[in-house]
C-alpha cells in the first residue's frame, strides 16, 4: 500500500511540475551570455538561487527590483523592471514568470536577459547599476504594415518620442516613465511609451532613448509600430493605445514621522522650587 501511494504521489508531482513549467510563456526577447558559464554545484549557482528567490521582495514601490549576492567571480547581480503602467499584481506575475523561464532558456550562463511586454529581468556576474554608453546589444521588433507616407509619419513620431524622452528622463529616482500620443498621417493618433531604469541620471536616460530613437528609419523602414529595448531603456510606438491611458504613478508609502521628543516643564525661576505631588 505504501509503495502504491508513493507511486501515485510521484505521478501527481511530475504532472504538477510539468504543468507549472509549461505555464511560463516565452519571452518576447531573450539573450544568454556566451563568455562565462557555471556548474550545477558551484557557488555561483547557489548565489544565483539566493538572488532570484530574494529579488521579488525588493520592490522599490514602483516596479524596480535590485538584489546582489556573493563577490568576485561568484557575485550575482540582478535587476528587474516592470513597465510603469502595470498593476502590482501584473508586475509580480510577470517577474515570477521571468525568474522561472530564464533558468530554462539560459540554464548555465552567468549572464541572462529576458524581456516580456510588461517586465524585464537581467542578471549578471558584472555590475549592472552602471550605464554603459553605446550599448551594442539591443532587441527590436516592428509591425509588418508600413505607412503610406514615411516622411510624414516619422515627422509626427519623432517629436512625440522627443517629448516622451524628456518627460521620462525628468521622472526622478523611482520612476522614469512617460506615455503620450500625437496626430499622424492617415491615422487618428500615434501612441508612444518611453521608460528608463530609474538608477540612470536624467542625462543618461535621455542619451539612452536618443540612441534608440535614432534607429527609427534605419530599423523600421516606415513600419507603423514597433519597439526597441536596451537593458537600460525602452521605447514603443503603435497606432492604437497599448498602455493604460488612465495611469497615474502612485508614490510608495512613506513611513510616518517620528514622534516629537517629550516636553518637560521649564525650570523654575531662581530662588523658587517646584514641588510635585
Protein backbone atom coordinates (compact mmCIF):
# COMPACT_ATOMS: atom_id res chain seq x y z
CA UNK A 1 0.00 0.00 0.00
CA UNK A 2 2.83 2.40 0.90
CA UNK A 3 4.61 1.72 -2.42
CA UNK A 4 1.38 2.27 -4.36
CA UNK A 5 0.70 5.55 -2.56
CA UNK A 6 4.27 6.69 -3.22
CA UNK A 7 3.86 5.79 -6.90
CA UNK A 8 0.69 7.87 -7.26
CA UNK A 9 2.25 10.76 -5.36
CA UNK A 10 5.21 10.69 -7.77
CA UNK A 11 2.88 10.80 -10.77
CA UNK A 12 0.97 13.76 -9.34
CA UNK A 13 4.23 15.58 -8.51
CA UNK A 14 5.59 15.06 -12.04
CA UNK A 15 2.29 16.28 -13.51
CA UNK A 16 2.31 19.42 -11.38
CA UNK A 17 5.92 20.22 -12.18
CA UNK A 18 5.30 19.80 -15.90
CA UNK A 19 2.15 21.92 -15.69
CA UNK A 20 3.98 24.71 -13.87
CA UNK A 21 6.84 24.58 -16.36
CA UNK A 22 4.54 24.69 -19.38
CA UNK A 23 2.62 27.61 -17.88
CA UNK A 24 5.53 30.02 -18.38
CA UNK A 25 5.08 31.99 -21.63
CA UNK A 26 8.01 32.51 -23.98
CA UNK A 27 9.99 35.71 -23.70
CA UNK A 28 9.47 38.38 -26.33
CA UNK A 29 13.26 38.79 -26.34
CA UNK A 30 15.98 36.82 -24.59
CA UNK A 31 19.77 36.69 -24.51
CA UNK A 32 22.12 34.28 -22.76
CA UNK A 33 25.72 35.26 -22.08
CA UNK A 34 28.36 33.37 -24.04
CA UNK A 35 31.59 34.15 -22.18
CA UNK A 36 31.00 32.68 -18.70
CA UNK A 37 29.24 29.54 -17.52
CA UNK A 38 28.64 27.90 -14.13
CA UNK A 39 28.20 24.31 -12.98
CA UNK A 40 25.25 22.90 -11.10
CA UNK A 41 27.05 22.51 -7.75
CA UNK A 42 29.05 25.74 -7.93
CA UNK A 43 28.99 28.66 -5.52
CA UNK A 44 27.68 30.83 -8.36
CA UNK A 45 24.68 28.53 -8.74
CA UNK A 46 23.96 28.77 -5.01
CA UNK A 47 24.24 32.56 -5.15
CA UNK A 48 22.02 32.72 -8.24
CA UNK A 49 19.33 30.68 -6.49
CA UNK A 50 19.50 33.00 -3.48
CA UNK A 51 19.47 36.13 -5.62
CA UNK A 52 16.49 35.21 -7.77
CA UNK A 53 14.47 33.97 -4.81
CA UNK A 54 15.04 37.26 -2.95
CA UNK A 55 14.72 39.65 -5.90
CA UNK A 56 10.87 39.81 -5.90
CA UNK A 57 10.92 41.09 -2.31
CA UNK A 58 12.99 44.18 -3.17
CA UNK A 59 10.34 46.24 -4.99
CA UNK A 60 11.12 49.94 -4.79
CA UNK A 61 7.37 50.56 -4.71
CA UNK A 62 7.15 51.49 -8.39
CA UNK A 63 8.25 48.30 -10.10
CA UNK A 64 12.05 48.34 -9.85
CA UNK A 65 13.87 45.43 -8.19
CA UNK A 66 17.57 45.06 -7.37
CA UNK A 67 19.50 42.44 -5.40
CA UNK A 68 23.04 41.02 -5.29
CA UNK A 69 24.71 38.05 -3.63
CA UNK A 70 28.37 37.00 -3.35
CA UNK A 71 31.54 38.66 -4.55
CA UNK A 72 34.26 38.31 -7.15
CA UNK A 73 33.74 35.56 -9.72
CA UNK A 74 30.79 34.26 -7.70
CA UNK A 75 28.93 37.57 -7.50
CA UNK A 76 25.40 37.58 -8.86
CA UNK A 77 23.84 40.97 -9.57
CA UNK A 78 20.21 41.18 -10.63
CA UNK A 79 17.70 43.83 -11.61
CA UNK A 80 14.12 43.69 -12.81
CA UNK A 81 11.92 46.48 -14.12
CA UNK A 82 8.18 46.37 -14.69
CA UNK A 83 6.50 48.64 -17.22
CA UNK A 84 5.43 51.77 -15.43
CA UNK A 85 1.70 51.48 -16.07
CA UNK A 86 1.09 47.86 -15.00
CA UNK A 87 -0.55 46.92 -11.71
CA UNK A 88 1.46 45.44 -8.81
CA UNK A 89 -0.27 42.09 -9.39
CA UNK A 90 0.66 42.05 -13.09
CA UNK A 91 4.19 43.15 -12.24
CA UNK A 92 4.63 40.38 -9.68
CA UNK A 93 3.23 37.74 -12.02
CA UNK A 94 5.49 38.87 -14.86
CA UNK A 95 8.58 38.82 -12.66
CA UNK A 96 7.78 35.35 -11.32
CA UNK A 97 7.34 34.05 -14.88
CA UNK A 98 10.66 35.65 -15.83
CA UNK A 99 12.54 34.00 -12.97
CA UNK A 100 11.23 30.55 -13.88
CA UNK A 101 11.69 30.96 -17.63
CA UNK A 102 15.18 32.47 -17.55
CA UNK A 103 16.50 29.34 -15.83
CA UNK A 104 15.12 27.24 -18.67
CA UNK A 105 16.40 29.28 -21.60
CA UNK A 106 19.79 30.08 -20.01
CA UNK A 107 20.44 27.02 -17.80
CA UNK A 108 24.15 27.53 -17.05
CA UNK A 109 25.13 31.04 -18.21
CA UNK A 110 26.44 33.67 -15.79
CA UNK A 111 24.51 36.40 -17.60
CA UNK A 112 20.99 36.40 -18.98
CA UNK A 113 18.29 38.85 -20.05
CA UNK A 114 14.63 38.02 -20.52
CA UNK A 115 12.06 40.53 -21.75
CA UNK A 116 8.27 40.35 -21.65
CA UNK A 117 5.89 43.14 -22.68
CA UNK A 118 5.33 44.02 -19.01
CA UNK A 119 8.77 43.43 -17.44
CA UNK A 120 12.48 42.83 -17.94
CA UNK A 121 14.83 40.61 -15.90
CA UNK A 122 18.62 40.82 -16.09
CA UNK A 123 21.24 39.04 -14.00
CA UNK A 124 25.00 39.01 -14.44
CA UNK A 125 28.37 38.41 -12.83
CA UNK A 126 29.17 42.00 -13.81
CA UNK A 127 27.94 45.22 -12.22
CA UNK A 128 24.51 46.25 -13.54
CA UNK A 129 23.76 49.57 -11.87
CA UNK A 130 26.12 51.32 -14.27
CA UNK A 131 25.09 52.96 -17.52
CA UNK A 132 27.06 51.67 -20.49
CA UNK A 133 27.18 54.21 -23.29
CA UNK A 134 26.63 52.91 -26.81
CA UNK A 135 25.32 49.54 -25.66
CA UNK A 136 25.64 47.20 -28.61
CA UNK A 137 23.10 44.63 -27.54
CA UNK A 138 19.51 45.60 -28.18
CA UNK A 139 16.26 43.94 -29.16
CA UNK A 140 13.88 45.23 -31.81
CA UNK A 141 10.52 44.21 -33.18
CA UNK A 142 8.37 46.06 -35.72
CA UNK A 143 4.86 45.84 -37.15
CA UNK A 144 4.57 44.21 -40.57
CA UNK A 145 2.48 47.07 -42.00
CA UNK A 146 4.02 50.20 -43.48
CA UNK A 147 2.76 53.75 -43.60
CA UNK A 148 1.89 55.22 -46.99
CA UNK A 149 3.94 58.34 -46.22
CA UNK A 150 7.15 57.53 -44.35
CA UNK A 151 8.37 61.12 -44.07
CA UNK A 152 5.11 62.49 -42.65
CA UNK A 153 4.79 59.56 -40.26
CA UNK A 154 8.33 60.00 -38.94
CA UNK A 155 7.83 63.76 -38.71
CA UNK A 156 4.97 63.08 -36.31
CA UNK A 157 6.66 60.22 -34.47
CA UNK A 158 9.99 61.87 -33.73
CA UNK A 159 8.58 64.91 -31.88
CA UNK A 160 6.39 62.58 -29.82
CA UNK A 161 9.37 60.44 -28.85
CA UNK A 162 11.47 63.51 -28.07
CA UNK A 163 8.71 64.81 -25.81
CA UNK A 164 8.38 61.47 -24.02
CA UNK A 165 12.16 61.12 -23.75
CA UNK A 166 12.37 64.41 -21.89
CA UNK A 167 9.43 63.58 -19.63
CA UNK A 168 10.76 60.12 -18.74
CA UNK A 169 14.30 61.38 -18.12
CA UNK A 170 12.98 64.00 -15.69
CA UNK A 171 10.92 61.43 -13.80
CA UNK A 172 13.09 61.17 -10.71
CA UNK A 173 14.97 58.33 -8.96
CA UNK A 174 11.99 55.97 -8.52
CA UNK A 175 10.26 56.01 -11.91
CA UNK A 176 11.39 57.25 -15.31
CA UNK A 177 8.34 56.57 -17.46
CA UNK A 178 6.18 58.55 -19.88
CA UNK A 179 3.36 57.93 -22.35
CA UNK A 180 1.57 60.13 -24.85
CA UNK A 181 0.05 60.40 -28.31
CA UNK A 182 0.09 62.66 -31.33
CA UNK A 183 -1.84 63.01 -34.58
CA UNK A 184 -0.18 61.25 -37.52
CA UNK A 185 -0.87 60.90 -41.26
CA UNK A 186 -3.69 58.56 -42.26
CA UNK A 187 -4.24 57.64 -38.62
CA UNK A 188 -6.06 59.41 -35.84
CA UNK A 189 -3.24 59.03 -33.32
CA UNK A 190 0.26 57.63 -32.83
CA UNK A 191 0.79 56.31 -29.30
CA UNK A 192 4.20 56.15 -27.65
CA UNK A 193 5.82 54.91 -24.45
CA UNK A 194 9.30 55.54 -23.07
CA UNK A 195 10.89 54.08 -19.94
CA UNK A 196 14.38 54.07 -18.41
CA UNK A 197 15.85 52.19 -15.49
CA UNK A 198 15.35 54.53 -12.54
CA UNK A 199 19.01 54.45 -11.46
CA UNK A 200 20.03 56.32 -14.62
CA UNK A 201 20.63 60.03 -14.34
CA UNK A 202 18.43 62.38 -16.34
CA UNK A 203 21.18 62.81 -18.92
CA UNK A 204 21.89 59.07 -19.17
CA UNK A 205 18.21 58.27 -19.69
CA UNK A 206 17.92 60.94 -22.36
CA UNK A 207 21.02 59.66 -24.17
CA UNK A 208 19.87 56.04 -23.99
CA UNK A 209 16.48 56.79 -25.53
CA UNK A 210 18.01 59.14 -28.11
CA UNK A 211 20.22 56.27 -29.30
CA UNK A 212 17.08 54.16 -29.73
CA UNK A 213 15.06 56.87 -31.47
CA UNK A 214 17.94 57.41 -33.91
CA UNK A 215 17.34 53.85 -35.13
CA UNK A 216 13.88 54.83 -36.43
CA UNK A 217 14.08 54.85 -40.21
CA UNK A 218 17.07 52.51 -40.16
CA UNK A 219 15.37 49.64 -38.38
CA UNK A 220 11.67 50.19 -39.02
CA UNK A 221 11.68 51.37 -42.67
CA UNK A 222 8.28 53.04 -42.35
CA UNK A 223 6.59 50.45 -40.13
CA UNK A 224 3.56 51.76 -38.20
CA UNK A 225 4.52 50.19 -34.89
CA UNK A 226 7.46 48.72 -33.06
CA UNK A 227 9.71 48.60 -30.05
CA UNK A 228 13.42 48.79 -29.30
CA UNK A 229 14.71 47.50 -25.97
CA UNK A 230 18.10 48.10 -24.40
CA UNK A 231 18.93 46.70 -20.95
CA UNK A 232 18.57 50.21 -19.51
CA UNK A 233 15.85 51.86 -21.61
CA UNK A 234 12.90 51.03 -23.81
CA UNK A 235 10.53 52.66 -26.24
CA UNK A 236 7.48 51.53 -28.17
CA UNK A 237 5.06 53.15 -30.60
CA UNK A 238 1.82 51.92 -32.16
CA UNK A 239 -1.25 53.33 -33.94
CA UNK A 240 -3.51 52.06 -31.16
CA UNK A 241 -3.49 52.62 -27.38
CA UNK A 242 -1.43 49.78 -25.90
CA UNK A 243 -0.88 51.25 -22.43
CA UNK A 244 -3.12 52.32 -19.57
CA UNK A 245 -4.16 55.86 -20.51
CA UNK A 246 -5.55 56.44 -17.02
CA UNK A 247 -2.26 55.57 -15.36
CA UNK A 248 -1.06 57.89 -12.63
CA UNK A 249 2.06 56.98 -10.69
CA UNK A 250 1.35 56.43 -7.02
CA UNK A 251 4.38 57.06 -4.82
CA UNK A 252 5.36 54.23 -2.48
CA UNK A 253 4.05 54.51 1.07
CA UNK A 254 6.21 56.59 3.35
CA UNK A 255 6.96 55.87 6.95
CA UNK A 256 5.23 58.16 9.47
CA UNK A 257 7.45 60.86 11.01
CA UNK A 258 8.97 60.01 14.38
CA UNK A 259 7.04 61.26 17.42
CA UNK A 260 8.17 64.61 18.84
CA UNK A 261 10.55 64.44 21.79
CA UNK A 262 8.87 64.56 25.21
CA UNK A 263 8.34 68.04 26.63
CA UNK A 264 9.42 68.94 30.12
CA UNK A 265 8.24 71.88 32.25
CA UNK A 266 10.54 74.89 32.11
CA UNK A 267 12.94 75.27 35.03
CA UNK A 268 11.64 77.45 37.88
CA UNK A 269 12.94 80.98 38.28
CA UNK A 270 15.92 81.40 40.55
CA UNK A 271 15.01 81.21 44.21
CA UNK A 272 11.87 79.12 43.66
CA UNK A 273 11.32 75.38 43.90
CA UNK A 274 8.67 73.28 42.17
CA UNK A 275 7.01 70.67 44.36
CA UNK A 276 5.31 67.72 42.56
CA UNK A 277 2.66 65.73 44.46
